Amino acid sequence: MICSTRSTTILTNNLPSDLKPIMEYTWQRDNKNRTNDGRHIMSGNTLTIDKIQRQDNNITYKCIAQESGLKLNTYRDITLYVMYKCNQNCF
């Protein structure tokens, strides 16, 4: 999953890249901060989930973006729906 945002306090279109605000990203699963744990790999605004499982169905992830130096943040909830095919003896 990729979280994308832009500054809401500064018009960054004409600023050189070294003056653009830095966005800091935090990922949560069911409102708890995530850390890299082997299956969940976070790198900046990207969350990679290795080997999606049936148990991951209906889990809510949240990407929180905060502009460095500010207290305001914005977030987006993302619910993961896992579709799977059952051939036999699934229940």
PDB file of N, CA and C in Angstrom:
ATOM      1  N   MET A   1       0.838  -1.149   0.000  1.00  0.00           N
ATOM      2  CA  MET A   1       0.000   0.000   0.000  1.00  0.00           C
ATOM      3  C   MET A   1       0.895   1.227   0.000  1.00  0.00           C
ATOM      4  N   ILE A   2       0.465   2.228  -0.716  1.00  0.00           N
ATOM      5  CA  ILE A   2       1.224   3.465  -0.771  1.00  0.00           C
ATOM      6  C   ILE A   2       0.332   4.608  -0.311  1.00  0.00           C
ATOM      7  N   CYS A   3       0.846   5.397   0.605  1.00  0.00           N
ATOM      8  CA  CYS A   3       0.146   6.555   1.132  1.00  0.00           C
ATOM      9  C   CYS A   3       0.760   7.792   0.489  1.00  0.00           C
ATOM     10  N   SER A   4      -0.052   8.647  -0.057  1.00  0.00           N
ATOM     11  CA  SER A   4       0.467   9.822  -0.740  1.00  0.00           C
ATOM     12  C   SER A   4      -0.241  11.059  -0.227  1.00  0.00           C
ATOM     13  N   THR A   5       0.521  12.107   0.033  1.00  0.00           N
ATOM     14  CA  THR A   5      -0.055  13.360   0.497  1.00  0.00           C
ATOM     15  C   THR A   5       0.841  14.513   0.078  1.00  0.00           C
ATOM     16  N   ARG A   6       0.367  15.721   0.301  1.00  0.00           N
ATOM     17  CA  ARG A   6       1.171  16.907   0.016  1.00  0.00           C
ATOM     18  C   ARG A   6       0.913  17.937   1.098  1.00  0.00           C
ATOM     19  N   SER A   7       1.757  18.926   1.166  1.00  0.00           N
ATOM     20  CA  SER A   7       1.655  19.960   2.193  1.00  0.00           C
ATOM     21  C   SER A   7       0.344  20.722   2.057  1.00  0.00           C
ATOM     22  N   THR A   8      -0.275  21.008   3.184  1.00  0.00           N
ATOM     23  CA  THR A   8      -1.470  21.848   3.177  1.00  0.00           C
ATOM     24  C   THR A   8      -1.149  23.242   3.698  1.00  0.00           C
ATOM     25  N   THR A   9       0.097  23.474   4.102  1.00  0.00           N
ATOM     26  CA  THR A   9       0.472  24.766   4.666  1.00  0.00           C
ATOM     27  C   THR A   9       1.356  25.587   3.745  1.00  0.00           C
ATOM     28  N   ILE A  10       2.032  24.938   2.798  1.00  0.00           N
ATOM     29  CA  ILE A  10       2.972  25.637   1.923  1.00  0.00           C
ATOM     30  C   ILE A  10       2.698  25.213   0.482  1.00  0.00           C
ATOM     31  N   LEU A  11       2.630  26.184  -0.419  1.00  0.00           N
ATOM     32  CA  LEU A  11       2.539  25.851  -1.839  1.00  0.00           C
ATOM     33  C   LEU A  11       3.928  25.454  -2.304  1.00  0.00           C
ATOM     34  N   THR A  12       4.098  24.193  -2.629  1.00  0.00           N
ATOM     35  CA  THR A  12       5.438  23.648  -2.887  1.00  0.00           C
ATOM     36  C   THR A  12       5.802  23.592  -4.362  1.00  0.00           C
ATOM     37  N   ASN A  13       4.917  23.993  -5.241  1.00  0.00           N
ATOM     38  CA  ASN A  13       5.169  23.821  -6.674  1.00  0.00           C
ATOM     39  C   ASN A  13       6.478  24.453  -7.137  1.00  0.00           C
ATOM     40  N   ASN A  14       6.793  25.655  -6.663  1.00  0.00           N
ATOM     41  CA  ASN A  14       7.968  26.362  -7.170  1.00  0.00           C
ATOM     42  C   ASN A  14       9.151  26.338  -6.209  1.00  0.00           C
ATOM     43  N   LEU A  15       9.073  25.567  -5.141  1.00  0.00           N
ATOM     44  CA  LEU A  15      10.177  25.498  -4.180  1.00  0.00           C
ATOM     45  C   LEU A  15      11.217  24.485  -4.637  1.00  0.00           C
ATOM     46  N   PRO A  16      12.503  24.785  -4.394  1.00  0.00           N
ATOM     47  CA  PRO A  16      13.516  23.760  -4.657  1.00  0.00           C
ATOM     48  C   PRO A  16      13.317  22.581  -3.713  1.00  0.00           C
ATOM     49  N   SER A  17      13.739  21.423  -4.124  1.00  0.00           N
ATOM     50  CA  SER A  17      13.465  20.208  -3.352  1.00  0.00           C
ATOM     51  C   SER A  17      14.028  20.261  -1.934  1.00  0.00           C
ATOM     52  N   ASP A  18      15.137  20.983  -1.704  1.00  0.00           N
ATOM     53  CA  ASP A  18      15.707  21.030  -0.362  1.00  0.00           C
ATOM     54  C   ASP A  18      14.910  21.934   0.588  1.00  0.00           C
ATOM     55  N   LEU A  19      13.967  22.695   0.067  1.00  0.00           N
ATOM     56  CA  LEU A  19      13.123  23.550   0.908  1.00  0.00           C
ATOM     57  C   LEU A  19      11.705  23.011   1.086  1.00  0.00           C
ATOM     58  N   LYS A  20      11.379  21.949   0.363  1.00  0.00           N
ATOM     59  CA  LYS A  20      10.029  21.383   0.478  1.00  0.00           C
ATOM     60  C   LYS A  20       9.867  20.719   1.839  1.00  0.00           C
ATOM     61  N   PRO A  21       8.671  20.814   2.427  1.00  0.00           N
ATOM     62  CA  PRO A  21       8.462  20.193   3.736  1.00  0.00           C
ATOM     63  C   PRO A  21       8.626  18.682   3.662  1.00  0.00           C
ATOM     64  N   ILE A  22       9.088  18.104   4.752  1.00  0.00           N
ATOM     65  CA  ILE A  22       9.283  16.659   4.836  1.00  0.00           C
ATOM     66  C   ILE A  22       8.046  16.046   5.472  1.00  0.00           C
ATOM     67  N   MET A  23       7.501  15.046   4.808  1.00  0.00           N
ATOM     68  CA  MET A  23       6.334  14.342   5.349  1.00  0.00           C
ATOM     69  C   MET A  23       6.822  13.107   6.097  1.00  0.00           C
ATOM     70  N   GLU A  24       6.278  12.909   7.270  1.00  0.00           N
ATOM     71  CA  GLU A  24       6.599  11.732   8.080  1.00  0.00           C
ATOM     72  C   GLU A  24       5.362  10.845   8.111  1.00  0.00           C
ATOM     73  N   TYR A  25       5.561   9.548   7.907  1.00  0.00           N
ATOM     74  CA  TYR A  25       4.454   8.599   7.812  1.00  0.00           C
ATOM     75  C   TYR A  25       4.525   7.577   8.937  1.00  0.00           C
ATOM     76  N   THR A  26       3.365   7.283   9.497  1.00  0.00           N
ATOM     77  CA  THR A  26       3.222   6.230  10.494  1.00  0.00           C
ATOM     78  C   THR A  26       2.125   5.294  10.010  1.00  0.00           C
ATOM     79  N   TRP A  27       2.347   4.009  10.160  1.00  0.00           N
ATOM     80  CA  TRP A  27       1.338   3.012   9.789  1.00  0.00           C
ATOM     81  C   TRP A  27       0.793   2.366  11.053  1.00  0.00           C
ATOM     82  N   GLN A  28      -0.536   2.164  11.068  1.00  0.00           N
ATOM     83  CA  GLN A  28      -1.188   1.481  12.180  1.00  0.00           C
ATOM     84  C   GLN A  28      -2.017   0.322  11.646  1.00  0.00           C
ATOM     85  N   ARG A  29      -2.182  -0.679  12.488  1.00  0.00           N
ATOM     86  CA  ARG A  29      -3.088  -1.795  12.213  1.00  0.00           C
ATOM     87  C   ARG A  29      -4.017  -1.863  13.405  1.00  0.00           C
ATOM     88  N   ASP A  30      -5.313  -1.746  13.161  1.00  0.00           N
ATOM     89  CA  ASP A  30      -6.323  -1.715  14.225  1.00  0.00           C
ATOM     90  C   ASP A  30      -5.946  -0.706  15.311  1.00  0.00           C
ATOM     91  N   ASN A  31      -5.567   0.505  14.869  1.00  0.00           N
ATOM     92  CA  ASN A  31      -5.236   1.646  15.736  1.00  0.00           C
ATOM     93  C   ASN A  31      -4.016   1.438  16.622  1.00  0.00           C
ATOM     94  N   LYS A  32      -3.140   0.506  16.269  1.00  0.00           N
ATOM     95  CA  LYS A  32      -1.890   0.296  17.002  1.00  0.00           C
ATOM     96  C   LYS A  32      -0.738   0.491  16.019  1.00  0.00           C
ATOM     97  N   ASN A  33       0.266   1.287  16.441  1.00  0.00           N
ATOM     98  CA  ASN A  33       1.415   1.531  15.565  1.00  0.00           C
ATOM     99  C   ASN A  33       2.080   0.221  15.171  1.00  0.00           C
ATOM    100  N   ARG A  34       2.469   0.157  13.898  1.00  0.00           N
ATOM    101  CA  ARG A  34       3.149  -1.034  13.374  1.00  0.00           C
ATOM    102  C   ARG A  34       4.647  -0.779  13.326  1.00  0.00           C
ATOM    103  N   THR A  35       5.389  -1.844  13.464  1.00  0.00           N
ATOM    104  CA  THR A  35       6.825  -1.817  13.232  1.00  0.00           C
ATOM    105  C   THR A  35       7.138  -2.947  12.256  1.00  0.00           C
ATOM    106  N   ASN A  36       8.297  -2.882  11.665  1.00  0.00           N
ATOM    107  CA  ASN A  36       8.697  -3.960  10.765  1.00  0.00           C
ATOM    108  C   ASN A  36       8.782  -5.251  11.573  1.00  0.00           C
ATOM    109  N   ASP A  37       8.071  -6.270  11.123  1.00  0.00           N
ATOM    110  CA  ASP A  37       8.045  -7.525  11.875  1.00  0.00           C
ATOM    111  C   ASP A  37       8.256  -8.749  10.987  1.00  0.00           C
ATOM    112  N   GLY A  38       8.769  -8.547   9.810  1.00  0.00           N
ATOM    113  CA  GLY A  38       8.987  -9.669   8.905  1.00  0.00           C
ATOM    114  C   GLY A  38       7.891  -9.767   7.864  1.00  0.00           C
ATOM    115  N   ARG A  39       6.623  -9.693   8.293  1.00  0.00           N
ATOM    116  CA  ARG A  39       5.508  -9.691   7.336  1.00  0.00           C
ATOM    117  C   ARG A  39       5.093  -8.277   6.959  1.00  0.00           C
ATOM    118  N   HIS A  40       5.211  -7.346   7.882  1.00  0.00           N
ATOM    119  CA  HIS A  40       4.865  -5.950   7.628  1.00  0.00           C
ATOM    120  C   HIS A  40       6.162  -5.156   7.501  1.00  0.00           C
ATOM    121  N   ILE A  41       6.373  -4.619   6.324  1.00  0.00           N
ATOM    122  CA  ILE A  41       7.607  -3.891   6.060  1.00  0.00           C
ATOM    123  C   ILE A  41       7.229  -2.461   5.677  1.00  0.00           C
ATOM    124  N   MET A  42       7.657  -1.503   6.513  1.00  0.00           N
ATOM    125  CA  MET A  42       7.346  -0.111   6.280  1.00  0.00           C
ATOM    126  C   MET A  42       8.593   0.638   5.848  1.00  0.00           C
ATOM    127  N   SER A  43       8.416   1.422   4.799  1.00  0.00           N
ATOM    128  CA  SER A  43       9.507   2.247   4.306  1.00  0.00           C
ATOM    129  C   SER A  43       8.893   3.567   3.842  1.00  0.00           C
ATOM    130  N   GLY A  44       8.993   4.587   4.685  1.00  0.00           N
ATOM    131  CA  GLY A  44       8.394   5.884   4.343  1.00  0.00           C
ATOM    132  C   GLY A  44       6.900   5.760   4.176  1.00  0.00           C
ATOM    133  N   ASN A  45       6.416   6.109   3.003  1.00  0.00           N
ATOM    134  CA  ASN A  45       4.974   6.091   2.767  1.00  0.00           C
ATOM    135  C   ASN A  45       4.461   4.759   2.222  1.00  0.00           C
ATOM    136  N   THR A  46       5.293   3.719   2.234  1.00  0.00           N
ATOM    137  CA  THR A  46       4.903   2.427   1.671  1.00  0.00           C
ATOM    138  C   THR A  46       4.835   1.355   2.751  1.00  0.00           C
ATOM    139  N   LEU A  47       3.758   0.590   2.737  1.00  0.00           N
ATOM    140  CA  LEU A  47       3.603  -0.581   3.607  1.00  0.00           C
ATOM    141  C   LEU A  47       3.468  -1.800   2.711  1.00  0.00           C
ATOM    142  N   THR A  48       4.357  -2.758   2.911  1.00  0.00           N
ATOM    143  CA  THR A  48       4.303  -4.018   2.173  1.00  0.00           C
ATOM    144  C   THR A  48       3.947  -5.122   3.149  1.00  0.00           C
ATOM    145  N   ILE A  49       2.947  -5.921   2.784  1.00  0.00           N
ATOM    146  CA  ILE A  49       2.552  -7.069   3.608  1.00  0.00           C
ATOM    147  C   ILE A  49       2.933  -8.319   2.849  1.00  0.00           C
ATOM    148  N   ASP A  50       3.828  -9.089   3.422  1.00  0.00           N
ATOM    149  CA  ASP A  50       4.314 -10.309   2.790  1.00  0.00           C
ATOM    150  C   ASP A  50       3.376 -11.463   3.126  1.00  0.00           C
ATOM    151  N   LYS A  51       3.034 -12.241   2.134  1.00  0.00           N
ATOM    152  CA  LYS A  51       2.220 -13.451   2.301  1.00  0.00           C
ATOM    153  C   LYS A  51       0.887 -13.154   2.992  1.00  0.00           C
ATOM    154  N   ILE A  52       0.001 -12.482   2.261  1.00  0.00           N
ATOM    155  CA  ILE A  52      -1.345 -12.202   2.765  1.00  0.00           C
ATOM    156  C   ILE A  52      -2.011 -13.514   3.149  1.00  0.00           C
ATOM    157  N   GLN A  53      -2.715 -13.519   4.281  1.00  0.00           N
ATOM    158  CA  GLN A  53      -3.366 -14.720   4.787  1.00  0.00           C
ATOM    159  C   GLN A  53      -4.860 -14.469   4.983  1.00  0.00           C
ATOM    160  N   ARG A  54      -5.631 -15.531   5.094  1.00  0.00           N
ATOM    161  CA  ARG A  54      -7.074 -15.380   5.328  1.00  0.00           C
ATOM    162  C   ARG A  54      -7.344 -14.587   6.598  1.00  0.00           C
ATOM    163  N   GLN A  55      -6.507 -14.729   7.598  1.00  0.00           N
ATOM    164  CA  GLN A  55      -6.700 -14.026   8.863  1.00  0.00           C
ATOM    165  C   GLN A  55      -6.529 -12.512   8.707  1.00  0.00           C
ATOM    166  N   ASP A  56      -5.958 -12.068   7.591  1.00  0.00           N
ATOM    167  CA  ASP A  56      -5.788 -10.642   7.338  1.00  0.00           C
ATOM    168  C   ASP A  56      -7.077  -9.995   6.837  1.00  0.00           C
ATOM    169  N   ASN A  57      -8.095 -10.795   6.563  1.00  0.00           N
ATOM    170  CA  ASN A  57      -9.350 -10.268   6.041  1.00  0.00           C
ATOM    171  C   ASN A  57      -9.999  -9.316   7.042  1.00  0.00           C
ATOM    172  N   ASN A  58     -10.487  -8.195   6.528  1.00  0.00           N
ATOM    173  CA  ASN A  58     -11.246  -7.206   7.296  1.00  0.00           C
ATOM    174  C   ASN A  58     -10.394  -6.496   8.353  1.00  0.00           C
ATOM    175  N   ILE A  59      -9.092  -6.465   8.173  1.00  0.00           N
ATOM    176  CA  ILE A  59      -8.190  -5.744   9.064  1.00  0.00           C
ATOM    177  C   ILE A  59      -8.073  -4.315   8.542  1.00  0.00           C
ATOM    178  N   THR A  60      -8.124  -3.353   9.445  1.00  0.00           N
ATOM    179  CA  THR A  60      -8.019  -1.952   9.051  1.00  0.00           C
ATOM    180  C   THR A  60      -6.609  -1.434   9.311  1.00  0.00           C
ATOM    181  N   TYR A  61      -6.020  -0.886   8.265  1.00  0.00           N
ATOM    182  CA  TYR A  61      -4.724  -0.228   8.345  1.00  0.00           C
ATOM    183  C   TYR A  61      -4.958   1.269   8.223  1.00  0.00           C
ATOM    184  N   LYS A  62      -4.086   2.037   8.840  1.00  0.00           N
ATOM    185  CA  LYS A  62      -4.200   3.487   8.773  1.00  0.00           C
ATOM    186  C   LYS A  62      -2.832   4.058   8.439  1.00  0.00           C
ATOM    187  N   CYS A  63      -2.822   4.962   7.475  1.00  0.00           N
ATOM    188  CA  CYS A  63      -1.623   5.709   7.149  1.00  0.00           C
ATOM    189  C   CYS A  63      -1.802   7.112   7.721  1.00  0.00           C
ATOM    190  N   ILE A  64      -0.876   7.517   8.584  1.00  0.00           N
ATOM    191  CA  ILE A  64      -0.917   8.849   9.176  1.00  0.00           C
ATOM    192  C   ILE A  64       0.249   9.643   8.605  1.00  0.00           C
ATOM    193  N   ALA A  65      -0.057  10.768   7.990  1.00  0.00           N
ATOM    194  CA  ALA A  65       0.968  11.632   7.416  1.00  0.00           C
ATOM    195  C   ALA A  65       1.029  12.917   8.228  1.00  0.00           C
ATOM    196  N   GLN A  66       2.239  13.315   8.588  1.00  0.00           N
ATOM    197  CA  GLN A  66       2.434  14.531   9.358  1.00  0.00           C
ATOM    198  C   GLN A  66       3.589  15.318   8.760  1.00  0.00           C
ATOM    199  N   GLU A  67       3.336  16.595   8.531  1.00  0.00           N
ATOM    200  CA  GLU A  67       4.379  17.465   8.010  1.00  0.00           C
ATOM    201  C   GLU A  67       5.359  17.773   9.132  1.00  0.00           C
ATOM    202  N   SER A  68       6.645  17.587   8.885  1.00  0.00           N
ATOM    203  CA  SER A  68       7.643  17.763   9.930  1.00  0.00           C
ATOM    204  C   SER A  68       7.517  19.143  10.573  1.00  0.00           C
ATOM    205  N   GLY A  69       7.593  19.166  11.907  1.00  0.00           N
ATOM    206  CA  GLY A  69       7.525  20.408  12.647  1.00  0.00           C
ATOM    207  C   GLY A  69       6.122  20.885  12.964  1.00  0.00           C
ATOM    208  N   LEU A  70       5.109  20.228  12.453  1.00  0.00           N
ATOM    209  CA  LEU A  70       3.729  20.631  12.712  1.00  0.00           C
ATOM    210  C   LEU A  70       3.024  19.593  13.562  1.00  0.00           C
ATOM    211  N   LYS A  71       1.987  20.017  14.270  1.00  0.00           N
ATOM    212  CA  LYS A  71       1.223  19.094  15.095  1.00  0.00           C
ATOM    213  C   LYS A  71       0.028  18.520  14.344  1.00  0.00           C
ATOM    214  N   LEU A  72      -0.336  19.139  13.247  1.00  0.00           N
ATOM    215  CA  LEU A  72      -1.473  18.653  12.470  1.00  0.00           C
ATOM    216  C   LEU A  72      -1.062  17.421  11.678  1.00  0.00           C
ATOM    217  N   ASN A  73      -1.988  16.500  11.548  1.00  0.00           N
ATOM    218  CA  ASN A  73      -1.728  15.354  10.689  1.00  0.00           C
ATOM    219  C   ASN A  73      -2.996  14.980   9.960  1.00  0.00           C
ATOM    220  N   THR A  74      -2.844  14.160   8.975  1.00  0.00           N
ATOM    221  CA  THR A  74      -3.987  13.663   8.233  1.00  0.00           C
ATOM    222  C   THR A  74      -3.839  12.158   8.105  1.00  0.00           C
ATOM    223  N   TYR A  75      -4.944  11.468   7.981  1.00  0.00           N
ATOM    224  CA  TYR A  75      -4.854  10.018   7.872  1.00  0.00           C
ATOM    225  C   TYR A  75      -5.942   9.477   6.968  1.00  0.00           C
ATOM    226  N   ARG A  76      -5.736   8.231   6.570  1.00  0.00           N
ATOM    227  CA  ARG A  76      -6.700   7.511   5.744  1.00  0.00           C
ATOM    228  C   ARG A  76      -6.756   6.083   6.237  1.00  0.00           C
ATOM    229  N   ASP A  77      -7.979   5.595   6.506  1.00  0.00           N
ATOM    230  CA  ASP A  77      -8.168   4.191   6.866  1.00  0.00           C
ATOM    231  C   ASP A  77      -8.268   3.353   5.594  1.00  0.00           C
ATOM    232  N   ILE A  78      -7.639   2.198   5.628  1.00  0.00           N
ATOM    233  CA  ILE A  78      -7.673   1.258   4.511  1.00  0.00           C
ATOM    234  C   ILE A  78      -8.027  -0.105   5.094  1.00  0.00           C
ATOM    235  N   THR A  79      -9.126  -0.688   4.640  1.00  0.00           N
ATOM    236  CA  THR A  79      -9.518  -2.008   5.114  1.00  0.00           C
ATOM    237  C   THR A  79      -9.128  -3.047   4.068  1.00  0.00           C
ATOM    238  N   LEU A  80      -8.471  -4.082   4.525  1.00  0.00           N
ATOM    239  CA  LEU A  80      -7.980  -5.137   3.638  1.00  0.00           C
ATOM    240  C   LEU A  80      -9.034  -6.240   3.553  1.00  0.00           C
ATOM    241  N   TYR A  81      -9.458  -6.539   2.338  1.00  0.00           N
ATOM    242  CA  TYR A  81     -10.394  -7.638   2.107  1.00  0.00           C
ATOM    243  C   TYR A  81      -9.657  -8.716   1.332  1.00  0.00           C
ATOM    244  N   VAL A  82      -9.574  -9.896   1.920  1.00  0.00           N
ATOM    245  CA  VAL A  82      -8.829 -10.996   1.319  1.00  0.00           C
ATOM    246  C   VAL A  82      -9.813 -11.929   0.632  1.00  0.00           C
ATOM    247  N   MET A  83      -9.617 -12.131  -0.655  1.00  0.00           N
ATOM    248  CA  MET A  83     -10.434 -13.084  -1.402  1.00  0.00           C
ATOM    249  C   MET A  83      -9.620 -14.354  -1.564  1.00  0.00           C
ATOM    250  N   TYR A  84     -10.230 -15.473  -1.311  1.00  0.00           N
ATOM    251  CA  TYR A  84      -9.508 -16.721  -1.421  1.00  0.00           C
ATOM    252  C   TYR A  84     -10.407 -17.773  -2.044  1.00  0.00           C
ATOM    253  N   LYS A  85      -9.772 -18.748  -2.620  1.00  0.00           N
ATOM    254  CA  LYS A  85     -10.485 -19.847  -3.252  1.00  0.00           C
ATOM    255  C   LYS A  85     -10.325 -21.075  -2.388  1.00  0.00           C
ATOM    256  N   CYS A  86     -11.425 -21.709  -2.101  1.00  0.00           N
ATOM    257  CA  CYS A  86     -11.408 -22.901  -1.267  1.00  0.00           C
ATOM    258  C   CYS A  86     -11.718 -24.109  -2.158  1.00  0.00           C
ATOM    259  N   ASN A  87     -10.826 -25.058  -2.170  1.00  0.00           N
ATOM    260  CA  ASN A  87     -11.041 -26.246  -2.996  1.00  0.00           C
ATOM    261  C   ASN A  87     -11.746 -27.363  -2.239  1.00  0.00           C
ATOM    262  N   GLN A  88     -11.369 -27.584  -0.983  1.00  0.00           N
ATOM    263  CA  GLN A  88     -12.018 -28.632  -0.198  1.00  0.00           C
ATOM    264  C   GLN A  88     -11.652 -28.480   1.275  1.00  0.00           C
ATOM    265  N   ASN A  89     -12.516 -28.942   2.157  1.00  0.00           N
ATOM    266  CA  ASN A  89     -12.290 -28.942   3.605  1.00  0.00           C
ATOM    267  C   ASN A  89     -11.804 -27.588   4.141  1.00  0.00           C
ATOM    268  N   CYS A  90     -12.511 -26.539   3.799  1.00  0.00           N
ATOM    269  CA  CYS A  90     -12.090 -25.190   4.200  1.00  0.00           C
ATOM    270  C   CYS A  90     -12.678 -24.755   5.537  1.00  0.00           C
ATOM    271  N   PHE A  91     -13.710 -25.381   5.989  1.00  0.00           N
ATOM    272  CA  PHE A  91     -14.349 -24.925   7.228  1.00  0.00           C
ATOM    273  C   PHE A  91     -14.250 -25.926   8.326  1.00  0.00           C
TER     274      PHE A  91
END
